[in-house]
């Protein structure tokens, strides 16, 4: 397995700016929407919960992937140890 390389500073900045622009455009679209205040509030709350649940989903999937990767590495070590012991 190859070690994971860290993200570059420019990639981190790009993702942060992209996220900020998307949220800003969403907020501007809700603000400019020709609707009552309660409808705008409902859409704003839906947007907040959507963003929050997206972060939660992404973190959960990443954690599941990391856990499977760790379990696979442990299994590989156990298999390698068994093969080494049988070869001796």
PDB file of N, CA and C in Angstrom:
ATOM      1  N   UNK A   1       0.834  -1.179   0.000  1.00  0.00           N
ATOM      2  CA  UNK A   1       0.000   0.000   0.000  1.00  0.00           C
ATOM      3  C   UNK A   1       0.874   1.236   0.000  1.00  0.00           C
ATOM      4  N   UNK A   2       0.483   2.212  -0.782  1.00  0.00           N
ATOM      5  CA  UNK A   2       1.229   3.457  -0.812  1.00  0.00           C
ATOM      6  C   UNK A   2       0.658   4.414   0.219  1.00  0.00           C
ATOM      7  N   UNK A   3       1.518   5.160   0.870  1.00  0.00           N
ATOM      8  CA  UNK A   3       1.011   6.120   1.864  1.00  0.00           C
ATOM      9  C   UNK A   3       0.241   7.241   1.177  1.00  0.00           C
ATOM     10  N   UNK A   4      -0.741   7.779   1.884  1.00  0.00           N
ATOM     11  CA  UNK A   4      -1.520   8.870   1.338  1.00  0.00           C
ATOM     12  C   UNK A   4      -0.719  10.154   1.385  1.00  0.00           C
ATOM     13  N   UNK A   5      -0.722  10.890   0.288  1.00  0.00           N
ATOM     14  CA  UNK A   5      -0.026  12.170   0.273  1.00  0.00           C
ATOM     15  C   UNK A   5      -0.997  13.252   0.732  1.00  0.00           C
ATOM     16  N   UNK A   6      -0.509  14.230   1.469  1.00  0.00           N
ATOM     17  CA  UNK A   6      -1.398  15.304   1.934  1.00  0.00           C
ATOM     18  C   UNK A   6      -1.814  16.194   0.768  1.00  0.00           C
ATOM     19  N   UNK A   7      -2.953  16.838   0.912  1.00  0.00           N
ATOM     20  CA  UNK A   7      -3.427  17.752  -0.128  1.00  0.00           C
ATOM     21  C   UNK A   7      -2.559  19.007  -0.147  1.00  0.00           C
ATOM     22  N   UNK A   8      -2.430  19.592  -1.323  1.00  0.00           N
ATOM     23  CA  UNK A   8      -1.654  20.823  -1.441  1.00  0.00           C
ATOM     24  C   UNK A   8      -2.463  21.997  -0.897  1.00  0.00           C
ATOM     25  N   UNK A   9      -1.769  23.059  -0.581  1.00  0.00           N
ATOM     26  CA  UNK A   9      -2.430  24.256  -0.057  1.00  0.00           C
ATOM     27  C   UNK A   9      -3.380  24.855  -1.092  1.00  0.00           C
ATOM     28  N   UNK A  10      -2.997  24.787  -2.367  1.00  0.00           N
ATOM     29  CA  UNK A  10      -3.862  25.356  -3.403  1.00  0.00           C
ATOM     30  C   UNK A  10      -5.157  24.544  -3.542  1.00  0.00           C
ATOM     31  N   UNK A  11      -5.085  23.232  -3.391  1.00  0.00           N
ATOM     32  CA  UNK A  11      -6.304  22.411  -3.456  1.00  0.00           C
ATOM     33  C   UNK A  11      -7.217  22.717  -2.269  1.00  0.00           C
ATOM     34  N   UNK A  12      -6.634  22.857  -1.093  1.00  0.00           N
ATOM     35  CA  UNK A  12      -7.429  23.200   0.082  1.00  0.00           C
ATOM     36  C   UNK A  12      -8.109  24.555  -0.094  1.00  0.00           C
ATOM     37  N   UNK A  13      -7.371  25.525  -0.625  1.00  0.00           N
ATOM     38  CA  UNK A  13      -7.941  26.847  -0.864  1.00  0.00           C
ATOM     39  C   UNK A  13      -9.056  26.777  -1.905  1.00  0.00           C
ATOM     40  N   UNK A  14      -8.842  26.005  -2.965  1.00  0.00           N
ATOM     41  CA  UNK A  14      -9.856  25.857  -4.002  1.00  0.00           C
ATOM     42  C   UNK A  14     -11.142  25.272  -3.438  1.00  0.00           C
ATOM     43  N   UNK A  15     -11.033  24.221  -2.624  1.00  0.00           N
ATOM     44  CA  UNK A  15     -12.233  23.603  -2.079  1.00  0.00           C
ATOM     45  C   UNK A  15     -12.947  24.553  -1.121  1.00  0.00           C
ATOM     46  N   UNK A  16     -12.190  25.301  -0.331  1.00  0.00           N
ATOM     47  CA  UNK A  16     -12.794  26.251   0.598  1.00  0.00           C
ATOM     48  C   UNK A  16     -13.507  27.375  -0.154  1.00  0.00           C
ATOM     49  N   UNK A  17     -12.876  27.915  -1.178  1.00  0.00           N
ATOM     50  CA  UNK A  17     -13.484  28.986  -1.966  1.00  0.00           C
ATOM     51  C   UNK A  17     -14.714  28.465  -2.708  1.00  0.00           C
ATOM     52  N   UNK A  18     -14.626  27.275  -3.274  1.00  0.00           N
ATOM     53  CA  UNK A  18     -15.768  26.698  -3.982  1.00  0.00           C
ATOM     54  C   UNK A  18     -16.956  26.504  -3.053  1.00  0.00           C
ATOM     55  N   UNK A  19     -16.688  26.001  -1.850  1.00  0.00           N
ATOM     56  CA  UNK A  19     -17.751  25.797  -0.873  1.00  0.00           C
ATOM     57  C   UNK A  19     -18.364  27.134  -0.467  1.00  0.00           C
ATOM     58  N   UNK A  20     -17.529  28.118  -0.217  1.00  0.00           N
ATOM     59  CA  UNK A  20     -18.022  29.448   0.156  1.00  0.00           C
ATOM     60  C   UNK A  20     -18.864  30.081  -0.939  1.00  0.00           C
ATOM     61  N   UNK A  21     -18.409  29.952  -2.180  1.00  0.00           N
ATOM     62  CA  UNK A  21     -19.179  30.491  -3.300  1.00  0.00           C
ATOM     63  C   UNK A  21     -20.527  29.787  -3.452  1.00  0.00           C
ATOM     64  N   UNK A  22     -20.530  28.478  -3.301  1.00  0.00           N
ATOM     65  CA  UNK A  22     -21.785  27.732  -3.423  1.00  0.00           C
ATOM     66  C   UNK A  22     -22.768  28.155  -2.338  1.00  0.00           C
ATOM     67  N   UNK A  23     -22.294  28.284  -1.101  1.00  0.00           N
ATOM     68  CA  UNK A  23     -23.173  28.735  -0.017  1.00  0.00           C
ATOM     69  C   UNK A  23     -23.651  30.165  -0.252  1.00  0.00           C
ATOM     70  N   UNK A  24     -22.759  31.018  -0.715  1.00  0.00           N
ATOM     71  CA  UNK A  24     -23.138  32.403  -1.002  1.00  0.00           C
ATOM     72  C   UNK A  24     -24.180  32.497  -2.100  1.00  0.00           C
ATOM     73  N   UNK A  25     -24.001  31.720  -3.144  1.00  0.00           N
ATOM     74  CA  UNK A  25     -24.974  31.729  -4.243  1.00  0.00           C
ATOM     75  C   UNK A  25     -26.319  31.182  -3.778  1.00  0.00           C
ATOM     76  N   UNK A  26     -26.302  30.153  -2.939  1.00  0.00           N
ATOM     77  CA  UNK A  26     -27.536  29.606  -2.388  1.00  0.00           C
ATOM     78  C   UNK A  26     -28.252  30.650  -1.537  1.00  0.00           C
ATOM     79  N   UNK A  27     -27.502  31.329  -0.660  1.00  0.00           N
ATOM     80  CA  UNK A  27     -28.097  32.363   0.191  1.00  0.00           C
ATOM     81  C   UNK A  27     -28.662  33.506  -0.652  1.00  0.00           C
ATOM     82  N   UNK A  28     -27.932  33.930  -1.663  1.00  0.00           N
ATOM     83  CA  UNK A  28     -28.409  34.996  -2.545  1.00  0.00           C
ATOM     84  C   UNK A  28     -29.667  34.560  -3.293  1.00  0.00           C
ATOM     85  N   UNK A  29     -29.692  33.317  -3.751  1.00  0.00           N
ATOM     86  CA  UNK A  29     -30.874  32.814  -4.452  1.00  0.00           C
ATOM     87  C   UNK A  29     -32.090  32.762  -3.550  1.00  0.00           C
ATOM     88  N   UNK A  30     -31.901  32.356  -2.309  1.00  0.00           N
ATOM     89  CA  UNK A  30     -33.034  32.325  -1.366  1.00  0.00           C
ATOM     90  C   UNK A  30     -33.482  33.744  -1.044  1.00  0.00           C
ATOM     91  N   UNK A  31     -32.539  34.662  -0.864  1.00  0.00           N
ATOM     92  CA  UNK A  31     -32.872  36.055  -0.554  1.00  0.00           C
ATOM     93  C   UNK A  31     -33.659  36.695  -1.698  1.00  0.00           C
ATOM     94  N   UNK A  32     -33.255  36.441  -2.939  1.00  0.00           N
ATOM     95  CA  UNK A  32     -33.888  37.061  -4.102  1.00  0.00           C
ATOM     96  C   UNK A  32     -35.163  36.357  -4.526  1.00  0.00           C
ATOM     97  N   UNK A  33     -35.482  35.253  -3.921  1.00  0.00           N
ATOM     98  CA  UNK A  33     -36.672  34.490  -4.281  1.00  0.00           C
ATOM     99  C   UNK A  33     -37.929  35.300  -3.989  1.00  0.00           C
ATOM    100  N   UNK A  34     -38.836  35.408  -4.959  1.00  0.00           N
ATOM    101  CA  UNK A  34     -40.070  36.161  -4.697  1.00  0.00           C
ATOM    102  C   UNK A  34     -41.055  35.307  -3.893  1.00  0.00           C
ATOM    103  N   UNK A  35     -40.823  35.228  -2.588  1.00  0.00           N
ATOM    104  CA  UNK A  35     -41.679  34.422  -1.722  1.00  0.00           C
ATOM    105  C   UNK A  35     -41.798  35.111  -0.370  1.00  0.00           C
ATOM    106  N   UNK A  36     -42.723  34.615   0.436  1.00  0.00           N
ATOM    107  CA  UNK A  36     -42.904  35.151   1.783  1.00  0.00           C
ATOM    108  C   UNK A  36     -41.683  34.849   2.637  1.00  0.00           C
ATOM    109  N   UNK A  37     -41.582  35.573   3.754  1.00  0.00           N
ATOM    110  CA  UNK A  37     -40.453  35.384   4.652  1.00  0.00           C
ATOM    111  C   UNK A  37     -40.416  33.974   5.229  1.00  0.00           C
ATOM    112  N   UNK A  38     -41.567  33.399   5.558  1.00  0.00           N
ATOM    113  CA  UNK A  38     -41.581  32.048   6.142  1.00  0.00           C
ATOM    114  C   UNK A  38     -41.110  31.019   5.124  1.00  0.00           C
ATOM    115  N   UNK A  39     -41.420  31.217   3.839  1.00  0.00           N
ATOM    116  CA  UNK A  39     -40.962  30.282   2.805  1.00  0.00           C
ATOM    117  C   UNK A  39     -39.442  30.382   2.639  1.00  0.00           C
ATOM    118  N   UNK A  40     -38.926  31.598   2.675  1.00  0.00           N
ATOM    119  CA  UNK A  40     -37.471  31.783   2.591  1.00  0.00           C
ATOM    120  C   UNK A  40     -36.775  31.157   3.804  1.00  0.00           C
ATOM    121  N   UNK A  41     -37.365  31.345   4.974  1.00  0.00           N
ATOM    122  CA  UNK A  41     -36.808  30.742   6.184  1.00  0.00           C
ATOM    123  C   UNK A  41     -36.799  29.227   6.111  1.00  0.00           C
ATOM    124  N   UNK A  42     -37.892  28.662   5.586  1.00  0.00           N
ATOM    125  CA  UNK A  42     -37.974  27.206   5.432  1.00  0.00           C
ATOM    126  C   UNK A  42     -36.885  26.707   4.492  1.00  0.00           C
ATOM    127  N   UNK A  43     -36.700  27.381   3.361  1.00  0.00           N
ATOM    128  CA  UNK A  43     -35.659  26.986   2.411  1.00  0.00           C
ATOM    129  C   UNK A  43     -34.266  27.163   3.005  1.00  0.00           C
ATOM    130  N   UNK A  44     -34.072  28.224   3.775  1.00  0.00           N
ATOM    131  CA  UNK A  44     -32.763  28.434   4.401  1.00  0.00           C
ATOM    132  C   UNK A  44     -32.462  27.327   5.405  1.00  0.00           C
ATOM    133  N   UNK A  45     -33.448  26.955   6.216  1.00  0.00           N
ATOM    134  CA  UNK A  45     -33.235  25.870   7.182  1.00  0.00           C
ATOM    135  C   UNK A  45     -32.986  24.544   6.459  1.00  0.00           C
ATOM    136  N   UNK A  46     -33.697  24.294   5.380  1.00  0.00           N
ATOM    137  CA  UNK A  46     -33.471  23.077   4.598  1.00  0.00           C
ATOM    138  C   UNK A  46     -32.055  23.060   4.037  1.00  0.00           C
ATOM    139  N   UNK A  47     -31.576  24.215   3.589  1.00  0.00           N
ATOM    140  CA  UNK A  47     -30.210  24.296   3.053  1.00  0.00           C
ATOM    141  C   UNK A  47     -29.190  24.031   4.155  1.00  0.00           C
ATOM    142  N   UNK A  48     -29.406  24.600   5.341  1.00  0.00           N
ATOM    143  CA  UNK A  48     -28.482  24.391   6.464  1.00  0.00           C
ATOM    144  C   UNK A  48     -28.435  22.913   6.841  1.00  0.00           C
ATOM    145  N   UNK A  49     -29.601  22.289   6.950  1.00  0.00           N
ATOM    146  CA  UNK A  49     -29.633  20.869   7.302  1.00  0.00           C
ATOM    147  C   UNK A  49     -29.035  20.001   6.192  1.00  0.00           C
ATOM    148  N   UNK A  50     -29.213  20.382   4.938  1.00  0.00           N
ATOM    149  CA  UNK A  50     -28.626  19.623   3.833  1.00  0.00           C
ATOM    150  C   UNK A  50     -27.101  19.683   3.878  1.00  0.00           C
ATOM    151  N   UNK A  51     -26.569  20.868   4.135  1.00  0.00           N
ATOM    152  CA  UNK A  51     -25.116  21.012   4.225  1.00  0.00           C
ATOM    153  C   UNK A  51     -24.576  20.211   5.409  1.00  0.00           C
ATOM    154  N   UNK A  52     -25.238  20.309   6.544  1.00  0.00           N
ATOM    155  CA  UNK A  52     -24.798  19.572   7.728  1.00  0.00           C
ATOM    156  C   UNK A  52     -24.846  18.066   7.526  1.00  0.00           C
ATOM    157  N   UNK A  53     -25.922  17.585   6.924  1.00  0.00           N
ATOM    158  CA  UNK A  53     -26.030  16.138   6.702  1.00  0.00           C
ATOM    159  C   UNK A  53     -25.052  15.665   5.635  1.00  0.00           C
ATOM    160  N   UNK A  54     -24.701  16.532   4.699  1.00  0.00           N
ATOM    161  CA  UNK A  54     -23.688  16.179   3.700  1.00  0.00           C
ATOM    162  C   UNK A  54     -22.333  15.976   4.368  1.00  0.00           C
ATOM    163  N   UNK A  55     -21.968  16.872   5.295  1.00  0.00           N
ATOM    164  CA  UNK A  55     -20.720  16.697   6.038  1.00  0.00           C
ATOM    165  C   UNK A  55     -20.741  15.410   6.852  1.00  0.00           C
ATOM    166  N   UNK A  56     -21.868  15.142   7.500  1.00  0.00           N
ATOM    167  CA  UNK A  56     -21.985  13.937   8.317  1.00  0.00           C
ATOM    168  C   UNK A  56     -21.858  12.682   7.464  1.00  0.00           C
ATOM    169  N   UNK A  57     -22.534  12.674   6.316  1.00  0.00           N
ATOM    170  CA  UNK A  57     -22.463  11.528   5.410  1.00  0.00           C
ATOM    171  C   UNK A  57     -21.041  11.319   4.900  1.00  0.00           C
ATOM    172  N   UNK A  58     -20.380  12.388   4.491  1.00  0.00           N
ATOM    173  CA  UNK A  58     -19.015  12.269   3.978  1.00  0.00           C
ATOM    174  C   UNK A  58     -18.060  11.758   5.058  1.00  0.00           C
ATOM    175  N   UNK A  59     -18.206  12.254   6.274  1.00  0.00           N
ATOM    176  CA  UNK A  59     -17.343  11.800   7.369  1.00  0.00           C
ATOM    177  C   UNK A  59     -17.606  10.338   7.699  1.00  0.00           C
ATOM    178  N   UNK A  60     -18.871   9.935   7.699  1.00  0.00           N
ATOM    179  CA  UNK A  60     -19.209   8.541   7.993  1.00  0.00           C
ATOM    180  C   UNK A  60     -18.637   7.612   6.934  1.00  0.00           C
ATOM    181  N   UNK A  61     -18.764   7.982   5.669  1.00  0.00           N
ATOM    182  CA  UNK A  61     -18.216   7.146   4.601  1.00  0.00           C
ATOM    183  C   UNK A  61     -16.701   7.069   4.690  1.00  0.00           C
ATOM    184  N   UNK A  62     -16.049   8.188   5.002  1.00  0.00           N
ATOM    185  CA  UNK A  62     -14.592   8.176   5.150  1.00  0.00           C
ATOM    186  C   UNK A  62     -14.170   7.287   6.312  1.00  0.00           C
ATOM    187  N   UNK A  63     -14.887   7.384   7.426  1.00  0.00           N
ATOM    188  CA  UNK A  63     -14.564   6.556   8.591  1.00  0.00           C
ATOM    189  C   UNK A  63     -14.752   5.079   8.291  1.00  0.00           C
ATOM    190  N   UNK A  64     -15.819   4.733   7.571  1.00  0.00           N
ATOM    191  CA  UNK A  64     -16.049   3.340   7.188  1.00  0.00           C
ATOM    192  C   UNK A  64     -14.928   2.831   6.285  1.00  0.00           C
ATOM    193  N   UNK A  65     -14.511   3.650   5.334  1.00  0.00           N
ATOM    194  CA  UNK A  65     -13.423   3.277   4.435  1.00  0.00           C
ATOM    195  C   UNK A  65     -12.132   3.061   5.215  1.00  0.00           C
ATOM    196  N   UNK A  66     -11.818   3.987   6.122  1.00  0.00           N
ATOM    197  CA  UNK A  66     -10.604   3.863   6.924  1.00  0.00           C
ATOM    198  C   UNK A  66     -10.655   2.611   7.808  1.00  0.00           C
ATOM    199  N   UNK A  67     -11.819   2.314   8.369  1.00  0.00           N
ATOM    200  CA  UNK A  67     -11.950   1.122   9.219  1.00  0.00           C
ATOM    201  C   UNK A  67     -11.738  -0.144   8.400  1.00  0.00           C
ATOM    202  N   UNK A  68     -12.325  -0.210   7.211  1.00  0.00           N
ATOM    203  CA  UNK A  68     -12.122  -1.393   6.355  1.00  0.00           C
ATOM    204  C   UNK A  68     -10.671  -1.516   5.954  1.00  0.00           C
ATOM    205  N   UNK A  69     -10.027  -0.394   5.676  1.00  0.00           N
ATOM    206  CA  UNK A  69      -8.624  -0.421   5.284  1.00  0.00           C
ATOM    207  C   UNK A  69      -7.763  -0.946   6.422  1.00  0.00           C
ATOM    208  N   UNK A  70      -8.052  -0.529   7.648  1.00  0.00           N
ATOM    209  CA  UNK A  70      -7.304  -0.998   8.805  1.00  0.00           C
ATOM    210  C   UNK A  70      -7.529  -2.484   9.026  1.00  0.00           C
ATOM    211  N   UNK A  71      -8.778  -2.936   8.916  1.00  0.00           N
ATOM    212  CA  UNK A  71      -9.076  -4.358   9.090  1.00  0.00           C
ATOM    213  C   UNK A  71      -8.365  -5.178   8.021  1.00  0.00           C
ATOM    214  N   UNK A  72      -8.351  -4.699   6.795  1.00  0.00           N
ATOM    215  CA  UNK A  72      -7.659  -5.414   5.726  1.00  0.00           C
ATOM    216  C   UNK A  72      -6.160  -5.490   5.994  1.00  0.00           C
ATOM    217  N   UNK A  73      -5.584  -4.413   6.523  1.00  0.00           N
ATOM    218  CA  UNK A  73      -4.151  -4.431   6.827  1.00  0.00           C
ATOM    219  C   UNK A  73      -3.848  -5.413   7.950  1.00  0.00           C
ATOM    220  N   UNK A  74      -4.727  -5.461   8.957  1.00  0.00           N
ATOM    221  CA  UNK A  74      -4.532  -6.413  10.056  1.00  0.00           C
ATOM    222  C   UNK A  74      -4.635  -7.835   9.531  1.00  0.00           C
ATOM    223  N   UNK A  75      -5.609  -8.107   8.666  1.00  0.00           N
ATOM    224  CA  UNK A  75      -5.754  -9.438   8.070  1.00  0.00           C
ATOM    225  C   UNK A  75      -4.529  -9.814   7.244  1.00  0.00           C
ATOM    226  N   UNK A  76      -3.989  -8.837   6.501  1.00  0.00           N
ATOM    227  CA  UNK A  76      -2.796  -9.113   5.702  1.00  0.00           C
ATOM    228  C   UNK A  76      -1.608  -9.471   6.603  1.00  0.00           C
ATOM    229  N   UNK A  77      -1.456  -8.759   7.703  1.00  0.00           N
ATOM    230  CA  UNK A  77      -0.358  -9.035   8.629  1.00  0.00           C
ATOM    231  C   UNK A  77      -0.522 -10.424   9.229  1.00  0.00           C
ATOM    232  N   UNK A  78      -1.747 -10.787   9.626  1.00  0.00           N
ATOM    233  CA  UNK A  78      -1.990 -12.110  10.193  1.00  0.00           C
ATOM    234  C   UNK A  78      -1.681 -13.198   9.171  1.00  0.00           C
ATOM    235  N   UNK A  79      -2.108 -13.001   7.933  1.00  0.00           N
ATOM    236  CA  UNK A  79      -1.846 -13.984   6.884  1.00  0.00           C
ATOM    237  C   UNK A  79      -0.352 -14.105   6.624  1.00  0.00           C
ATOM    238  N   UNK A  80       0.325 -12.964   6.563  1.00  0.00           N
ATOM    239  CA  UNK A  80       1.766 -12.983   6.330  1.00  0.00           C
ATOM    240  C   UNK A  80       2.494 -13.693   7.469  1.00  0.00           C
ATOM    241  N   UNK A  81       2.062 -13.464   8.705  1.00  0.00           N
ATOM    242  CA  UNK A  81       2.669 -14.109   9.855  1.00  0.00           C
ATOM    243  C   UNK A  81       2.455 -15.626   9.784  1.00  0.00           C
ATOM    244  N   UNK A  82       1.246 -16.057   9.432  1.00  0.00           N
ATOM    245  CA  UNK A  82       0.969 -17.491   9.304  1.00  0.00           C
ATOM    246  C   UNK A  82       1.818 -18.131   8.220  1.00  0.00           C
ATOM    247  N   UNK A  83       1.950 -17.440   7.102  1.00  0.00           N
ATOM    248  CA  UNK A  83       2.774 -17.984   6.001  1.00  0.00           C
ATOM    249  C   UNK A  83       4.231 -18.062   6.403  1.00  0.00           C
ATOM    250  N   UNK A  84       4.697 -17.043   7.133  1.00  0.00           N
ATOM    251  CA  UNK A  84       6.076 -17.047   7.572  1.00  0.00           C
ATOM    252  C   UNK A  84       6.335 -18.176   8.568  1.00  0.00           C
ATOM    253  N   UNK A  85       5.392 -18.409   9.467  1.00  0.00           N
ATOM    254  CA  UNK A  85       5.557 -19.471  10.459  1.00  0.00           C
ATOM    255  C   UNK A  85       5.520 -20.856   9.790  1.00  0.00           C
ATOM    256  N   UNK A  86       4.698 -21.030   8.765  1.00  0.00           N
ATOM    257  CA  UNK A  86       4.619 -22.305   8.068  1.00  0.00           C
ATOM    258  C   UNK A  86       5.869 -22.565   7.228  1.00  0.00           C
ATOM    259  N   UNK A  87       6.504 -21.507   6.751  1.00  0.00           N
ATOM    260  CA  UNK A  87       7.693 -21.664   5.922  1.00  0.00           C
ATOM    261  C   UNK A  87       8.908 -22.059   6.758  1.00  0.00           C
ATOM    262  N   UNK A  88       8.871 -21.783   8.036  1.00  0.00           N
ATOM    263  CA  UNK A  88      10.023 -22.063   8.907  1.00  0.00           C
ATOM    264  C   UNK A  88      10.037 -23.479   9.347  1.00  0.00           C
TER     265      UNK A  88
END
